[in-house]
Amino acid sequence: GGSLRLSCAAFGLPFNLYRMGWYRQAPGKQRELVATISS
């Protein structure tokens, strides 16, 4: 029921040109897409 805010800082790339996303992997599970955001 709580909240958390994740941050991802990018270095060495033209950030504004990339589609950014978050994926997650739980124990024993495959990595899955959580969310993406385009330029």
All heavy atoms as atom14 arrays in JSON, in Angstrom:
{
  "sequence": "GGSLRLSCAAFGLPFNLYRMGWYRQAPGKQRELVATISS",
  "atom14_mask": [
    [1, 1, 1, 1, 0, 0, 0, 0, 0, 0, 0, 0, 0, 0],
    [1, 1, 1, 1, 0, 0, 0, 0, 0, 0, 0, 0, 0, 0],
    [1, 1, 1, 1, 1, 1, 0, 0, 0, 0, 0, 0, 0, 0],
    [1, 1, 1, 1, 1, 1, 1, 1, 0, 0, 0, 0, 0, 0],
    [1, 1, 1, 1, 1, 1, 1, 1, 1, 1, 1, 0, 0, 0],
    [1, 1, 1, 1, 1, 1, 1, 1, 0, 0, 0, 0, 0, 0],
    [1, 1, 1, 1, 1, 1, 0, 0, 0, 0, 0, 0, 0, 0],
    [1, 1, 1, 1, 1, 1, 0, 0, 0, 0, 0, 0, 0, 0],
    [1, 1, 1, 1, 1, 0, 0, 0, 0, 0, 0, 0, 0, 0],
    [1, 1, 1, 1, 1, 0, 0, 0, 0, 0, 0, 0, 0, 0],
    [1, 1, 1, 1, 1, 1, 1, 1, 1, 1, 1, 0, 0, 0],
    [1, 1, 1, 1, 0, 0, 0, 0, 0, 0, 0, 0, 0, 0],
    [1, 1, 1, 1, 1, 1, 1, 1, 0, 0, 0, 0, 0, 0],
    [1, 1, 1, 1, 1, 1, 1, 0, 0, 0, 0, 0, 0, 0],
    [1, 1, 1, 1, 1, 1, 1, 1, 1, 1, 1, 0, 0, 0],
    [1, 1, 1, 1, 1, 1, 1, 1, 0, 0, 0, 0, 0, 0],
    [1, 1, 1, 1, 1, 1, 1, 1, 0, 0, 0, 0, 0, 0],
    [1, 1, 1, 1, 1, 1, 1, 1, 1, 1, 1, 1, 0, 0],
    [1, 1, 1, 1, 1, 1, 1, 1, 1, 1, 1, 0, 0, 0],
    [1, 1, 1, 1, 1, 1, 1, 1, 0, 0, 0, 0, 0, 0],
    [1, 1, 1, 1, 0, 0, 0, 0, 0, 0, 0, 0, 0, 0],
    [1, 1, 1, 1, 1, 1, 1, 1, 1, 1, 1, 1, 1, 1],
    [1, 1, 1, 1, 1, 1, 1, 1, 1, 1, 1, 1, 0, 0],
    [1, 1, 1, 1, 1, 1, 1, 1, 1, 1, 1, 0, 0, 0],
    [1, 1, 1, 1, 1, 1, 1, 1, 1, 0, 0, 0, 0, 0],
    [1, 1, 1, 1, 1, 0, 0, 0, 0, 0, 0, 0, 0, 0],
    [1, 1, 1, 1, 1, 1, 1, 0, 0, 0, 0, 0, 0, 0],
    [1, 1, 1, 1, 0, 0, 0, 0, 0, 0, 0, 0, 0, 0],
    [1, 1, 1, 1, 1, 1, 1, 1, 1, 0, 0, 0, 0, 0],
    [1, 1, 1, 1, 1, 1, 1, 1, 1, 0, 0, 0, 0, 0],
    [1, 1, 1, 1, 1, 1, 1, 1, 1, 1, 1, 0, 0, 0],
    [1, 1, 1, 1, 1, 1, 1, 1, 1, 0, 0, 0, 0, 0],
    [1, 1, 1, 1, 1, 1, 1, 1, 0, 0, 0, 0, 0, 0],
    [1, 1, 1, 1, 1, 1, 1, 0, 0, 0, 0, 0, 0, 0],
    [1, 1, 1, 1, 1, 0, 0, 0, 0, 0, 0, 0, 0, 0],
    [1, 1, 1, 1, 1, 1, 1, 0, 0, 0, 0, 0, 0, 0],
    [1, 1, 1, 1, 1, 1, 1, 1, 0, 0, 0, 0, 0, 0],
    [1, 1, 1, 1, 1, 1, 0, 0, 0, 0, 0, 0, 0, 0],
    [1, 1, 1, 1, 1, 1, 0, 0, 0, 0, 0, 0, 0, 0]
  ],
  "atom14_positions": [
    [[0.79, -1.21, 0.0], [0.0, 0.0, 0.0], [0.83, 1.27, 0.0], [0.29, 2.36, -0.21], [0.0, 0.0, 0.0], [0.0, 0.0, 0.0], [0.0, 0.0, 0.0], [0.0, 0.0, 0.0], [0.0, 0.0, 0.0], [0.0, 0.0, 0.0], [0.0, 0.0, 0.0], [0.0, 0.0, 0.0], [0.0, 0.0, 0.0], [0.0, 0.0, 0.0]],
    [[2.11, 1.13, 0.21], [3.0, 2.27, 0.25], [3.45, 2.72, -1.12], [3.03, 2.17, -2.14], [0.0, 0.0, 0.0], [0.0, 0.0, 0.0], [0.0, 0.0, 0.0], [0.0, 0.0, 0.0], [0.0, 0.0, 0.0], [0.0, 0.0, 0.0], [0.0, 0.0, 0.0], [0.0, 0.0, 0.0], [0.0, 0.0, 0.0], [0.0, 0.0, 0.0]],
    [[4.33, 3.71, -1.14], [4.82, 4.29, -2.38], [6.33, 4.35, -2.4], [6.99, 4.38, -1.36], [4.26, 5.7, -2.57], [2.85, 5.7, -2.67], [0.0, 0.0, 0.0], [0.0, 0.0, 0.0], [0.0, 0.0, 0.0], [0.0, 0.0, 0.0], [0.0, 0.0, 0.0], [0.0, 0.0, 0.0], [0.0, 0.0, 0.0], [0.0, 0.0, 0.0]],
    [[6.85, 4.4, -3.6], [8.29, 4.5, -3.81], [8.52, 5.18, -5.15], [7.74, 4.98, -6.09], [8.91, 3.11, -3.8], [10.36, 2.93, -3.35], [10.55, 3.43, -1.92], [10.74, 1.46, -3.44], [0.0, 0.0, 0.0], [0.0, 0.0, 0.0], [0.0, 0.0, 0.0], [0.0, 0.0, 0.0], [0.0, 0.0, 0.0], [0.0, 0.0, 0.0]],
    [[9.57, 5.96, -5.24], [9.91, 6.61, -6.5], [11.32, 6.21, -6.92], [12.28, 6.49, -6.2], [9.84, 8.13, -6.38], [9.92, 8.86, -7.72], [10.11, 10.35, -7.54], [9.8, 11.1, -8.75], [10.2, 12.34, -8.99], [10.93, 12.99, -8.09], [9.86, 12.94, -10.12], [0.0, 0.0, 0.0], [0.0, 0.0, 0.0], [0.0, 0.0, 0.0]],
    [[11.42, 5.58, -8.07], [12.7, 5.19, -8.61], [13.21, 6.25, -9.57], [12.44, 6.89, -10.27], [12.59, 3.86, -9.35], [12.02, 2.66, -8.59], [12.06, 1.42, -9.48], [12.76, 2.44, -7.29], [0.0, 0.0, 0.0], [0.0, 0.0, 0.0], [0.0, 0.0, 0.0], [0.0, 0.0, 0.0], [0.0, 0.0, 0.0], [0.0, 0.0, 0.0]],
    [[14.52, 6.41, -9.59], [15.15, 7.34, -10.51], [16.23, 6.62, -11.29], [16.86, 5.69, -10.78], [15.79, 8.52, -9.75], [14.82, 9.27, -9.06], [0.0, 0.0, 0.0], [0.0, 0.0, 0.0], [0.0, 0.0, 0.0], [0.0, 0.0, 0.0], [0.0, 0.0, 0.0], [0.0, 0.0, 0.0], [0.0, 0.0, 0.0], [0.0, 0.0, 0.0]],
    [[16.44, 7.04, -12.51], [17.5, 6.51, -13.35], [18.17, 7.66, -14.06], [17.55, 8.31, -14.91], [16.95, 5.5, -14.36], [18.15, 4.94, -15.59], [0.0, 0.0, 0.0], [0.0, 0.0, 0.0], [0.0, 0.0, 0.0], [0.0, 0.0, 0.0], [0.0, 0.0, 0.0], [0.0, 0.0, 0.0], [0.0, 0.0, 0.0], [0.0, 0.0, 0.0]],
    [[19.4, 7.92, -13.71], [20.17, 8.99, -14.34], [21.05, 8.41, -15.44], [21.73, 7.41, -15.23], [21.03, 9.7, -13.3], [0.0, 0.0, 0.0], [0.0, 0.0, 0.0], [0.0, 0.0, 0.0], [0.0, 0.0, 0.0], [0.0, 0.0, 0.0], [0.0, 0.0, 0.0], [0.0, 0.0, 0.0], [0.0, 0.0, 0.0], [0.0, 0.0, 0.0]],
    [[21.01, 9.03, -16.61], [21.75, 8.55, -17.76], [22.98, 9.41, -18.01], [22.94, 10.63, -17.9], [20.86, 8.56, -19.0], [0.0, 0.0, 0.0], [0.0, 0.0, 0.0], [0.0, 0.0, 0.0], [0.0, 0.0, 0.0], [0.0, 0.0, 0.0], [0.0, 0.0, 0.0], [0.0, 0.0, 0.0], [0.0, 0.0, 0.0], [0.0, 0.0, 0.0]],
    [[24.06, 8.74, -18.37], [25.31, 9.42, -18.66], [25.87, 8.91, -19.98], [25.81, 7.72, -20.27], [26.33, 9.17, -17.54], [25.86, 9.6, -16.18], [25.15, 8.73, -15.38], [26.13, 10.87, -15.72], [24.71, 9.11, -14.13], [25.69, 11.27, -14.47], [24.98, 10.39, -13.68], [0.0, 0.0, 0.0], [0.0, 0.0, 0.0], [0.0, 0.0, 0.0]],
    [[26.42, 9.81, -20.76], [27.12, 9.42, -21.98], [26.26, 9.07, -23.18], [26.75, 8.42, -24.1], [0.0, 0.0, 0.0], [0.0, 0.0, 0.0], [0.0, 0.0, 0.0], [0.0, 0.0, 0.0], [0.0, 0.0, 0.0], [0.0, 0.0, 0.0], [0.0, 0.0, 0.0], [0.0, 0.0, 0.0], [0.0, 0.0, 0.0], [0.0, 0.0, 0.0]],
    [[25.0, 9.5, -23.18], [24.14, 9.25, -24.33], [23.22, 10.45, -24.57], [22.94, 11.21, -23.65], [23.34, 7.96, -24.16], [22.44, 7.8, -22.94], [21.11, 8.52, -23.13], [22.19, 6.32, -22.67], [0.0, 0.0, 0.0], [0.0, 0.0, 0.0], [0.0, 0.0, 0.0], [0.0, 0.0, 0.0], [0.0, 0.0, 0.0], [0.0, 0.0, 0.0]],
    [[22.74, 10.6, -25.82], [21.8, 11.69, -26.12], [20.42, 11.32, -25.58], [19.56, 10.8, -26.3], [21.83, 11.78, -27.64], [22.17, 10.39, -28.08], [23.12, 9.86, -27.04], [0.0, 0.0, 0.0], [0.0, 0.0, 0.0], [0.0, 0.0, 0.0], [0.0, 0.0, 0.0], [0.0, 0.0, 0.0], [0.0, 0.0, 0.0], [0.0, 0.0, 0.0]],
    [[20.22, 11.59, -24.33], [19.06, 11.11, -23.6], [17.74, 11.42, -24.29], [16.83, 10.57, -24.32], [19.07, 11.73, -22.19], [17.94, 11.28, -21.31], [18.02, 10.09, -20.61], [16.8, 12.06, -21.17], [17.0, 9.68, -19.79], [15.76, 11.66, -20.35], [15.87, 10.46, -19.66], [0.0, 0.0, 0.0], [0.0, 0.0, 0.0], [0.0, 0.0, 0.0]],
    [[17.59, 12.6, -24.82], [16.32, 13.02, -25.4], [15.94, 12.22, -26.64], [14.79, 12.3, -27.09], [16.35, 14.51, -25.73], [17.4, 14.87, -26.75], [18.54, 14.42, -26.66], [17.03, 15.7, -27.72], [0.0, 0.0, 0.0], [0.0, 0.0, 0.0], [0.0, 0.0, 0.0], [0.0, 0.0, 0.0], [0.0, 0.0, 0.0], [0.0, 0.0, 0.0]],
    [[16.86, 11.46, -27.21], [16.58, 10.67, -28.4], [16.19, 9.23, -28.09], [15.8, 8.49, -28.99], [17.8, 10.67, -29.34], [18.25, 12.04, -29.85], [19.48, 11.88, -30.74], [17.14, 12.74, -30.6], [0.0, 0.0, 0.0], [0.0, 0.0, 0.0], [0.0, 0.0, 0.0], [0.0, 0.0, 0.0], [0.0, 0.0, 0.0], [0.0, 0.0, 0.0]],
    [[16.28, 8.83, -26.85], [16.04, 7.45, -26.46], [14.65, 7.25, -25.88], [14.11, 8.11, -25.18], [17.06, 7.0, -25.42], [18.4, 6.59, -26.01], [19.3, 7.54, -26.45], [18.74, 5.24, -26.1], [20.52, 7.16, -26.99], [19.95, 4.86, -26.63], [20.84, 5.82, -27.07], [22.05, 5.43, -27.6], [0.0, 0.0, 0.0], [0.0, 0.0, 0.0]],
    [[14.1, 6.08, -26.18], [12.94, 5.62, -25.46], [13.44, 5.03, -24.14], [14.31, 4.15, -24.15], [12.18, 4.54, -26.24], [10.99, 3.94, -25.48], [10.3, 2.86, -26.3], [9.71, 3.41, -27.5], [8.5, 3.97, -27.57], [7.74, 4.03, -26.48], [8.05, 4.45, -28.71], [0.0, 0.0, 0.0], [0.0, 0.0, 0.0], [0.0, 0.0, 0.0]],
    [[12.93, 5.5, -23.05], [13.34, 5.04, -21.74], [12.3, 4.1, -21.16], [11.1, 4.23, -21.43], [13.56, 6.21, -20.79], [14.58, 7.23, -21.28], [16.23, 6.51, -21.54], [16.62, 5.94, -19.88], [0.0, 0.0, 0.0], [0.0, 0.0, 0.0], [0.0, 0.0, 0.0], [0.0, 0.0, 0.0], [0.0, 0.0, 0.0], [0.0, 0.0, 0.0]],
    [[12.77, 3.17, -20.36], [11.83, 2.23, -19.79], [12.29, 1.63, -18.48], [13.47, 1.74, -18.11], [0.0, 0.0, 0.0], [0.0, 0.0, 0.0], [0.0, 0.0, 0.0], [0.0, 0.0, 0.0], [0.0, 0.0, 0.0], [0.0, 0.0, 0.0], [0.0, 0.0, 0.0], [0.0, 0.0, 0.0], [0.0, 0.0, 0.0], [0.0, 0.0, 0.0]],
    [[11.34, 1.03, -17.81], [11.62, 0.28, -16.59], [11.16, -1.15, -16.79], [10.05, -1.4, -17.27], [10.9, 0.88, -15.39], [11.47, 2.18, -14.93], [11.05, 3.44, -15.24], [12.59, 2.35, -14.04], [11.82, 4.38, -14.62], [12.77, 3.74, -13.87], [13.43, 1.47, -13.37], [13.79, 4.26, -13.06], [14.44, 1.99, -12.57], [14.6, 3.36, -12.43]],
    [[12.02, -2.08, -16.43], [11.71, -3.49, -16.43], [11.95, -4.03, -15.03], [12.62, -3.4, -14.22], [12.61, -4.24, -17.43], [12.33, -3.93, -18.88], [12.65, -2.69, -19.43], [11.76, -4.89, -19.72], [12.4, -2.4, -20.76], [11.51, -4.61, -21.05], [11.83, -3.37, -21.56], [11.59, -3.09, -22.88], [0.0, 0.0, 0.0], [0.0, 0.0, 0.0]],
    [[11.4, -5.2, -14.76], [11.64, -5.81, -13.46], [11.76, -7.31, -13.59], [11.24, -7.92, -14.51], [10.52, -5.45, -12.47], [9.16, -6.04, -12.8], [8.1, -5.49, -11.85], [6.79, -6.08, -12.11], [5.67, -5.68, -11.53], [5.71, -4.69, -10.63], [4.52, -6.27, -11.8], [0.0, 0.0, 0.0], [0.0, 0.0, 0.0], [0.0, 0.0, 0.0]],
    [[12.46, -7.89, -12.63], [12.63, -9.33, -12.61], [12.51, -9.82, -11.17], [13.32, -9.46, -10.32], [13.98, -9.74, -13.2], [14.15, -11.23, -13.35], [15.31, -11.6, -14.26], [16.25, -10.82, -14.43], [15.24, -12.77, -14.85], [0.0, 0.0, 0.0], [0.0, 0.0, 0.0], [0.0, 0.0, 0.0], [0.0, 0.0, 0.0], [0.0, 0.0, 0.0]],
    [[11.5, -10.63, -10.94], [11.29, -11.23, -9.63], [12.01, -12.57, -9.57], [12.29, -13.18, -10.6], [9.8, -11.4, -9.37], [0.0, 0.0, 0.0], [0.0, 0.0, 0.0], [0.0, 0.0, 0.0], [0.0, 0.0, 0.0], [0.0, 0.0, 0.0], [0.0, 0.0, 0.0], [0.0, 0.0, 0.0], [0.0, 0.0, 0.0], [0.0, 0.0, 0.0]],
    [[12.31, -13.06, -8.37], [12.99, -14.35, -8.23], [12.23, -15.46, -8.96], [11.02, -15.63, -8.77], [13.0, -14.58, -6.72], [12.97, -13.21, -6.14], [12.08, -12.42, -7.06], [0.0, 0.0, 0.0], [0.0, 0.0, 0.0], [0.0, 0.0, 0.0], [0.0, 0.0, 0.0], [0.0, 0.0, 0.0], [0.0, 0.0, 0.0], [0.0, 0.0, 0.0]],
    [[12.93, -16.2, -9.79], [12.33, -17.29, -10.52], [11.44, -16.89, -11.67], [10.8, -17.76, -12.28], [0.0, 0.0, 0.0], [0.0, 0.0, 0.0], [0.0, 0.0, 0.0], [0.0, 0.0, 0.0], [0.0, 0.0, 0.0], [0.0, 0.0, 0.0], [0.0, 0.0, 0.0], [0.0, 0.0, 0.0], [0.0, 0.0, 0.0], [0.0, 0.0, 0.0]],
    [[11.4, -15.61, -11.99], [10.56, -15.11, -13.06], [11.39, -14.47, -14.17], [12.53, -14.08, -13.95], [9.56, -14.08, -12.53], [8.62, -14.6, -11.46], [7.64, -15.59, -12.01], [6.62, -16.0, -10.96], [5.63, -16.97, -11.5], [0.0, 0.0, 0.0], [0.0, 0.0, 0.0], [0.0, 0.0, 0.0], [0.0, 0.0, 0.0], [0.0, 0.0, 0.0]],
    [[10.8, -14.37, -15.35], [11.46, -13.71, -16.46], [11.39, -12.2, -16.28], [10.51, -11.68, -15.6], [10.81, -14.12, -17.78], [9.37, -13.66, -17.93], [8.69, -14.23, -19.15], [8.5, -15.45, -19.23], [8.33, -13.38, -20.09], [0.0, 0.0, 0.0], [0.0, 0.0, 0.0], [0.0, 0.0, 0.0], [0.0, 0.0, 0.0], [0.0, 0.0, 0.0]],
    [[12.32, -11.51, -16.91], [12.28, -10.06, -16.87], [11.09, -9.57, -17.68], [10.84, -10.05, -18.79], [13.58, -9.47, -17.42], [13.69, -7.97, -17.28], [15.07, -7.45, -17.7], [16.11, -7.97, -16.84], [17.38, -7.58, -16.9], [17.76, -6.66, -17.77], [18.28, -8.12, -16.09], [0.0, 0.0, 0.0], [0.0, 0.0, 0.0], [0.0, 0.0, 0.0]],
    [[10.35, -8.63, -17.13], [9.16, -8.13, -17.79], [9.17, -6.61, -17.88], [9.73, -5.93, -17.02], [7.89, -8.59, -17.07], [7.74, -8.04, -15.66], [6.44, -8.45, -15.0], [5.56, -9.0, -15.69], [6.3, -8.21, -13.78], [0.0, 0.0, 0.0], [0.0, 0.0, 0.0], [0.0, 0.0, 0.0], [0.0, 0.0, 0.0], [0.0, 0.0, 0.0]],
    [[8.53, -6.11, -18.91], [8.38, -4.68, -19.08], [7.4, -4.13, -18.06], [6.34, -4.71, -17.84], [7.92, -4.35, -20.5], [7.8, -2.87, -20.86], [8.13, -2.67, -22.34], [6.39, -2.35, -20.59], [0.0, 0.0, 0.0], [0.0, 0.0, 0.0], [0.0, 0.0, 0.0], [0.0, 0.0, 0.0], [0.0, 0.0, 0.0], [0.0, 0.0, 0.0]],
    [[7.76, -3.02, -17.45], [6.88, -2.34, -16.52], [6.25, -1.12, -17.18], [5.04, -0.95, -17.18], [7.63, -1.91, -15.24], [6.71, -1.12, -14.31], [8.19, -3.13, -14.53], [0.0, 0.0, 0.0], [0.0, 0.0, 0.0], [0.0, 0.0, 0.0], [0.0, 0.0, 0.0], [0.0, 0.0, 0.0], [0.0, 0.0, 0.0], [0.0, 0.0, 0.0]],
    [[7.09, -0.26, -17.75], [6.61, 0.95, -18.39], [7.68, 1.52, -19.3], [8.87, 1.32, -19.07], [6.21, 2.0, -17.34], [0.0, 0.0, 0.0], [0.0, 0.0, 0.0], [0.0, 0.0, 0.0], [0.0, 0.0, 0.0], [0.0, 0.0, 0.0], [0.0, 0.0, 0.0], [0.0, 0.0, 0.0], [0.0, 0.0, 0.0], [0.0, 0.0, 0.0]],
    [[7.25, 2.22, -20.34], [8.17, 2.93, -21.22], [7.65, 4.33, -21.47], [6.45, 4.61, -21.33], [8.36, 2.23, -22.57], [7.12, 2.19, -23.28], [8.9, 0.82, -22.39], [0.0, 0.0, 0.0], [0.0, 0.0, 0.0], [0.0, 0.0, 0.0], [0.0, 0.0, 0.0], [0.0, 0.0, 0.0], [0.0, 0.0, 0.0], [0.0, 0.0, 0.0]],
    [[8.56, 5.21, -21.84], [8.18, 6.57, -22.22], [9.08, 7.0, -23.37], [10.3, 6.9, -23.3], [8.28, 7.53, -21.01], [7.83, 8.94, -21.43], [9.69, 7.55, -20.42], [7.58, 9.86, -20.24], [0.0, 0.0, 0.0], [0.0, 0.0, 0.0], [0.0, 0.0, 0.0], [0.0, 0.0, 0.0], [0.0, 0.0, 0.0], [0.0, 0.0, 0.0]],
    [[8.46, 7.46, -24.44], [9.2, 7.86, -25.63], [9.74, 9.27, -25.49], [9.45, 9.99, -24.53], [8.3, 7.77, -26.86], [7.37, 8.83, -26.89], [0.0, 0.0, 0.0], [0.0, 0.0, 0.0], [0.0, 0.0, 0.0], [0.0, 0.0, 0.0], [0.0, 0.0, 0.0], [0.0, 0.0, 0.0], [0.0, 0.0, 0.0], [0.0, 0.0, 0.0]],
    [[10.51, 9.68, -26.49], [11.05, 11.03, -26.49], [9.96, 12.08, -26.61], [10.16, 13.24, -26.23], [12.06, 11.2, -27.63], [11.44, 10.98, -28.89], [0.0, 0.0, 0.0], [0.0, 0.0, 0.0], [0.0, 0.0, 0.0], [0.0, 0.0, 0.0], [0.0, 0.0, 0.0], [0.0, 0.0, 0.0], [0.0, 0.0, 0.0], [0.0, 0.0, 0.0]]
  ]
}
